[in-house]
Amino acid sequence: MSKSHNKKRNVGIIYEQLLRYISVALVEGDKGAVKEASGILKRHFVPGTNLYREFRLFNALVKTTVDTETLAGRILSEAKSAALKFDAQGLRKEKSQLIKDINHTLDDSSFYYQRVDEYRSYATIQTLLNDWRKRDQTSLSRVVDYENKVMKWLITEKNEKPLDQHADRNVSRLSVRIMTEKFNKKYGAILKKGQAELIQEYVFCVGNGNPEKFANRLEELKRHALSELRKYEISCDNKILNEKMVHVKGVLQELDTSVVNDETLSKYLLVSKLKSELLETDNG
């Protein structure tokens, strides 16, 4: 991937960075930052806009997994057809407005340096969308190359990466990761897939006046986390760890969803991370 890729105009990267920014702000209890970044999402990713349409198309290429190259090729053809129908000038203007809003509202020089998983795939997809619209024959060889890369990406299973690629999965390490301080201390967390989805649902459910739907989602997450915790408890023969498990279960069971706000989301982001780590340990 060329080093000249403009990630500020990559709709997928910017969206992920906004979600990460919100996640860190929630964990740190910075309600002002949460409100500002959430406001940016709600102002710019609006159904009917070119930016929103591009995000939906981009997200489909990023998230979709198919079984055959034939099906991947058809998806790529449909994506190209959709990309060519966009108002390119309008899209550029909307992206410029988004960048301006981020720079002015957040005023954070580190915002664009936030790490995004699968950066190269995101950059390839955005560059391909741009090249399709240009209809520039000089970039034909790159278009062919990137179409092949995206086709390979479409048939690649999108497995979630472990939180710590080199973590020691013994009992004492797990104890440090999932015990009481998970719930009593706030610290910058690595944003996982489940957390990103949770933030996205929070922003749009609450923003659209439907907090009940999000509350039900949190209750479902709590049930699943408790289920995974019980499974691990059964398989664990460490007495000290099991005693701490009792406290963790108590904390989970007492979590309330009657009020849906930033503080509630902050707690459930940790629940989501706990669930992911338990599943990783179970599969490790």
Protein backbone atom coordinates (compact mmCIF):
# COMPACT_ATOMS: atom_id res chain seq x y z
CA MET A 1 0.00 0.00 0.00
CA SER A 2 1.31 3.40 -0.94
CA LYS A 3 2.50 5.54 1.93
CA SER A 4 0.61 8.44 0.38
CA HIS A 5 -2.80 7.01 1.25
CA ASN A 6 -4.91 9.78 2.79
CA LYS A 7 -6.43 8.10 5.83
CA LYS A 8 -8.32 11.28 6.75
CA ARG A 9 -10.51 10.66 3.70
CA ASN A 10 -10.88 6.95 4.30
CA VAL A 11 -14.45 6.59 5.54
CA GLY A 12 -13.80 3.24 7.24
CA ILE A 13 -10.69 4.40 9.09
CA ILE A 14 -12.26 7.67 10.26
CA TYR A 15 -15.34 5.81 11.52
CA GLU A 16 -13.23 3.30 13.46
CA GLN A 17 -11.12 6.11 14.94
CA LEU A 18 -14.24 7.92 16.13
CA LEU A 19 -15.46 4.72 17.82
CA ARG A 20 -12.07 4.23 19.49
CA TYR A 21 -12.03 7.84 20.63
CA ILE A 22 -15.47 7.42 22.21
CA SER A 23 -14.43 4.15 23.87
CA VAL A 24 -11.36 5.66 25.54
CA ALA A 25 -13.35 8.73 26.63
CA LEU A 26 -16.03 6.51 28.19
CA VAL A 27 -13.49 4.46 30.10
CA GLU A 28 -11.77 7.63 31.31
CA GLY A 29 -15.08 9.21 32.29
CA ASP A 30 -14.66 12.17 29.91
CA LYS A 31 -18.33 12.88 29.21
CA GLY A 32 -17.53 16.01 27.22
CA ALA A 33 -15.35 14.10 24.76
CA VAL A 34 -18.00 11.37 24.45
CA LYS A 35 -20.68 13.94 23.64
CA GLU A 36 -18.50 15.74 21.10
CA ALA A 37 -17.39 12.61 19.22
CA SER A 38 -20.87 11.05 19.31
CA GLY A 39 -22.25 14.31 17.94
CA ILE A 40 -19.84 14.11 15.01
CA LEU A 41 -21.04 10.61 14.17
CA LYS A 42 -24.68 11.64 14.32
CA ARG A 43 -24.16 14.81 12.29
CA HIS A 44 -22.23 13.26 9.42
CA PHE A 45 -23.19 9.58 9.13
CA VAL A 46 -26.79 10.42 8.26
CA PRO A 47 -28.93 8.14 6.05
CA GLY A 48 -29.37 9.68 2.62
CA THR A 49 -25.99 11.42 2.52
CA ASN A 50 -23.18 10.41 0.17
CA LEU A 51 -20.91 9.83 3.17
CA TYR A 52 -23.35 7.41 4.77
CA ARG A 53 -23.86 5.56 1.50
CA GLU A 54 -20.09 5.23 1.06
CA PHE A 55 -19.74 3.98 4.63
CA ARG A 56 -22.41 1.33 4.07
CA LEU A 57 -20.71 0.18 0.86
CA PHE A 58 -17.26 0.25 2.45
CA ASN A 59 -18.50 -1.64 5.52
CA ALA A 60 -20.11 -4.32 3.35
CA LEU A 61 -16.77 -4.99 1.64
CA VAL A 62 -14.94 -5.02 4.99
CA LYS A 63 -17.35 -7.26 6.90
CA THR A 64 -18.65 -9.68 4.27
CA THR A 65 -17.22 -13.19 4.00
CA VAL A 66 -18.17 -15.52 1.12
CA ASP A 67 -17.21 -19.07 0.18
CA THR A 68 -16.18 -18.75 -3.46
CA GLU A 69 -14.28 -16.40 -5.75
CA THR A 70 -17.25 -16.43 -8.11
CA LEU A 71 -19.51 -14.95 -5.44
CA ALA A 72 -16.77 -12.54 -4.39
CA GLY A 73 -16.50 -11.39 -8.00
CA ARG A 74 -20.24 -10.71 -8.19
CA ILE A 75 -20.12 -8.71 -4.98
CA LEU A 76 -17.20 -6.70 -6.32
CA SER A 77 -19.12 -6.00 -9.54
CA GLU A 78 -22.17 -4.81 -7.58
CA ALA A 79 -19.97 -2.64 -5.37
CA LYS A 80 -18.37 -1.01 -8.41
CA SER A 81 -21.77 -0.32 -9.93
CA ALA A 82 -22.95 1.28 -6.69
CA ALA A 83 -19.76 3.36 -6.30
CA LEU A 84 -20.17 4.83 -9.78
CA LYS A 85 -23.64 6.12 -8.90
CA PHE A 86 -22.34 8.33 -6.09
CA ASP A 87 -22.14 12.10 -6.42
CA ALA A 88 -18.33 12.24 -6.30
CA GLN A 89 -18.18 16.00 -5.82
CA GLY A 90 -20.80 15.88 -3.08
CA LEU A 91 -18.92 13.06 -1.36
CA ARG A 92 -15.65 15.01 -1.38
CA LYS A 93 -17.43 18.01 0.12
CA GLU A 94 -19.03 15.90 2.87
CA LYS A 95 -15.67 14.31 3.74
CA SER A 96 -14.09 17.76 3.95
CA GLN A 97 -16.85 18.88 6.30
CA LEU A 98 -16.32 15.79 8.45
CA ILE A 99 -12.56 16.40 8.70
CA LYS A 100 -13.16 20.07 9.53
CA ASP A 101 -15.65 19.11 12.25
CA ILE A 102 -13.24 16.60 13.80
CA ASN A 103 -10.37 19.09 13.77
CA HIS A 104 -12.45 21.93 15.19
CA THR A 105 -14.59 20.00 17.69
CA LEU A 106 -12.08 17.51 19.09
CA ASP A 107 -8.93 19.59 18.60
CA ASP A 108 -6.82 16.48 19.32
CA SER A 109 -3.58 16.16 17.36
CA SER A 110 -3.36 12.44 18.21
CA PHE A 111 -6.79 11.58 16.79
CA TYR A 112 -5.57 10.50 13.34
CA TYR A 113 -2.74 8.43 14.84
CA GLN A 114 -5.08 5.95 16.53
CA ARG A 115 -4.30 2.43 15.42
CA VAL A 116 -6.88 0.69 13.23
CA ASP A 117 -6.78 -3.09 12.75
CA GLU A 118 -6.57 -4.26 9.13
CA TYR A 119 -5.37 -0.82 8.05
CA ARG A 120 -3.94 -2.14 4.77
CA SER A 121 -7.24 -3.76 3.78
CA TYR A 122 -9.13 -0.57 4.66
CA ALA A 123 -6.70 1.49 2.58
CA THR A 124 -6.96 -0.92 -0.36
CA ILE A 125 -10.76 -0.82 -0.35
CA GLN A 126 -10.95 2.98 -0.17
CA THR A 127 -8.35 3.40 -2.92
CA LEU A 128 -10.26 0.98 -5.13
CA LEU A 129 -13.52 2.89 -4.59
CA ASN A 130 -11.72 6.11 -5.52
CA ASP A 131 -10.10 4.60 -8.64
CA TRP A 132 -13.40 3.16 -9.86
CA ARG A 133 -14.92 6.65 -9.81
CA LYS A 134 -11.96 8.27 -11.58
CA ARG A 135 -12.31 5.98 -14.63
CA ASP A 136 -8.63 6.79 -15.19
CA GLN A 137 -6.97 4.25 -17.51
CA THR A 138 -3.54 5.15 -16.11
CA SER A 139 -4.45 3.41 -12.87
CA LEU A 140 -5.85 0.30 -14.60
CA SER A 141 -3.04 -1.98 -13.40
CA ARG A 142 -3.60 -0.84 -9.81
CA VAL A 143 -7.35 -1.37 -10.14
CA VAL A 144 -6.81 -4.95 -11.30
CA ASP A 145 -4.31 -5.57 -8.49
CA TYR A 146 -6.60 -4.12 -5.81
CA GLU A 147 -9.69 -5.92 -7.14
CA ASN A 148 -7.80 -9.19 -6.73
CA LYS A 149 -6.79 -8.20 -3.20
CA VAL A 150 -10.35 -7.31 -2.22
CA MET A 151 -11.62 -10.58 -3.71
CA LYS A 152 -9.14 -12.47 -1.54
CA TRP A 153 -10.27 -10.41 1.44
CA LEU A 154 -13.92 -11.30 0.77
CA ILE A 155 -13.17 -15.02 0.96
CA THR A 156 -11.01 -14.61 4.07
CA GLU A 157 -12.63 -15.50 7.38
CA LYS A 158 -12.85 -12.40 9.57
CA ASN A 159 -11.69 -13.90 12.85
CA GLU A 160 -11.24 -11.57 15.80
CA LYS A 161 -7.65 -11.26 16.91
CA PRO A 162 -6.73 -12.13 20.50
CA LEU A 163 -6.36 -9.16 22.81
CA ASP A 164 -2.80 -10.08 23.57
CA GLN A 165 -1.07 -12.09 20.85
CA HIS A 166 1.63 -13.24 23.24
CA ALA A 167 -0.32 -13.54 26.45
CA ASP A 168 0.49 -16.32 28.88
CA ARG A 169 -2.83 -18.07 29.31
CA ASN A 170 -2.16 -19.60 32.73
CA VAL A 171 -4.48 -19.11 35.68
CA SER A 172 -2.54 -16.35 37.43
CA ARG A 173 -2.43 -14.22 34.26
CA LEU A 174 -6.15 -14.67 33.71
CA SER A 175 -6.79 -13.71 37.31
CA VAL A 176 -5.05 -10.40 36.79
CA ARG A 177 -7.08 -9.72 33.66
CA ILE A 178 -10.61 -10.53 34.77
CA MET A 179 -10.83 -9.94 38.51
CA THR A 180 -12.05 -7.07 40.62
CA GLU A 181 -9.95 -4.27 39.14
CA LYS A 182 -11.72 -4.85 35.84
CA PHE A 183 -14.74 -3.31 37.48
CA ASN A 184 -13.18 -0.94 40.00
CA LYS A 185 -10.54 0.77 37.87
CA LYS A 186 -10.94 2.68 34.65
CA TYR A 187 -8.15 2.41 32.16
CA GLY A 188 -7.59 2.77 28.45
CA ALA A 189 -8.82 -0.43 26.83
CA ILE A 190 -7.97 -1.92 23.43
CA LEU A 191 -11.17 -1.64 21.44
CA LYS A 192 -12.40 -5.04 20.33
CA LYS A 193 -15.02 -5.88 17.75
CA GLY A 194 -17.76 -6.40 20.34
CA GLN A 195 -17.00 -3.07 21.98
CA ALA A 196 -17.07 -1.21 18.67
CA GLU A 197 -20.47 -2.70 17.86
CA LEU A 198 -21.74 -1.78 21.33
CA ILE A 199 -20.70 1.86 20.92
CA GLN A 200 -22.25 2.02 17.48
CA GLU A 201 -25.57 0.68 18.78
CA TYR A 202 -25.47 3.10 21.71
CA VAL A 203 -24.89 6.16 19.54
CA PHE A 204 -27.66 5.35 17.09
CA CYS A 205 -30.24 3.74 19.42
CA VAL A 206 -30.08 6.51 21.99
CA GLY A 207 -29.68 9.17 19.31
CA ASN A 208 -32.86 7.91 17.62
CA GLY A 209 -34.82 7.90 20.88
CA ASN A 210 -34.85 4.13 21.37
CA PRO A 211 -32.91 3.45 24.61
CA GLU A 212 -35.12 0.42 25.39
CA LYS A 213 -33.67 -1.47 22.43
CA PHE A 214 -30.16 -0.80 23.66
CA ALA A 215 -31.08 -1.78 27.24
CA ASN A 216 -32.27 -5.15 25.93
CA ARG A 217 -28.96 -5.54 24.10
CA LEU A 218 -27.08 -4.92 27.36
CA GLU A 219 -29.19 -7.47 29.23
CA GLU A 220 -28.39 -10.04 26.54
CA LEU A 221 -24.68 -9.24 26.84
CA LYS A 222 -24.83 -9.65 30.63
CA ARG A 223 -26.52 -13.05 30.30
CA HIS A 224 -23.89 -14.27 27.86
CA ALA A 225 -21.02 -12.98 30.02
CA LEU A 226 -22.43 -14.71 33.11
CA SER A 227 -22.84 -17.92 31.11
CA GLU A 228 -19.20 -17.84 29.97
CA LEU A 229 -18.06 -17.05 33.51
CA ARG A 230 -19.96 -20.06 34.90
CA LYS A 231 -18.43 -22.31 32.24
CA TYR A 232 -14.95 -21.17 33.18
CA GLU A 233 -15.72 -21.55 36.88
CA ILE A 234 -16.67 -25.20 36.36
CA SER A 235 -13.41 -25.96 34.56
CA CYS A 236 -11.21 -24.03 37.00
CA ASP A 237 -9.69 -25.91 39.94
CA ASN A 238 -7.94 -22.93 41.52
CA LYS A 239 -9.61 -22.20 44.90
CA ILE A 240 -8.47 -18.58 45.17
CA LEU A 241 -9.54 -17.80 41.63
CA ASN A 242 -12.92 -19.42 42.17
CA GLU A 243 -13.49 -17.27 45.26
CA LYS A 244 -12.83 -14.16 43.21
CA MET A 245 -15.15 -15.48 40.51
CA VAL A 246 -18.00 -15.26 43.02
CA HIS A 247 -17.35 -11.54 43.48
CA VAL A 248 -17.14 -10.94 39.73
CA LYS A 249 -20.46 -12.72 39.19
CA GLY A 250 -22.00 -10.59 41.91
CA VAL A 251 -20.80 -7.42 40.20
CA LEU A 252 -22.22 -8.59 36.88
CA GLN A 253 -25.59 -9.56 38.32
CA GLU A 254 -26.00 -6.17 39.98
CA LEU A 255 -25.33 -4.16 36.82
CA ASP A 256 -28.41 -2.10 36.01
CA THR A 257 -29.87 -1.16 32.64
CA SER A 258 -32.85 0.87 33.83
CA VAL A 259 -30.90 4.02 33.00
CA VAL A 260 -29.04 4.06 29.69
CA ASN A 261 -26.28 6.66 29.69
CA ASP A 262 -22.52 7.03 29.18
CA GLU A 263 -21.72 5.53 32.59
CA THR A 264 -23.84 2.45 31.84
CA LEU A 265 -22.12 1.98 28.50
CA SER A 266 -18.70 2.36 30.13
CA LYS A 267 -19.45 -0.53 32.50
CA TYR A 268 -20.79 -2.76 29.74
CA LEU A 269 -17.77 -2.10 27.54
CA LEU A 270 -15.77 -3.86 30.25
CA VAL A 271 -18.35 -6.66 30.35
CA SER A 272 -17.96 -7.08 26.59
CA LYS A 273 -14.19 -7.26 26.96
CA LEU A 274 -14.49 -9.77 29.82
CA LYS A 275 -16.74 -11.99 27.69
CA SER A 276 -14.26 -11.86 24.78
CA GLU A 277 -11.32 -12.77 27.02
CA LEU A 278 -13.20 -15.70 28.55
CA LEU A 279 -14.01 -17.00 25.07
CA GLU A 280 -10.37 -16.60 24.01
CA THR A 281 -9.22 -18.51 27.09
CA ASP A 282 -11.76 -21.25 26.45
CA ASN A 283 -10.50 -21.62 22.88
CA GLY A 284 -6.84 -21.26 23.79
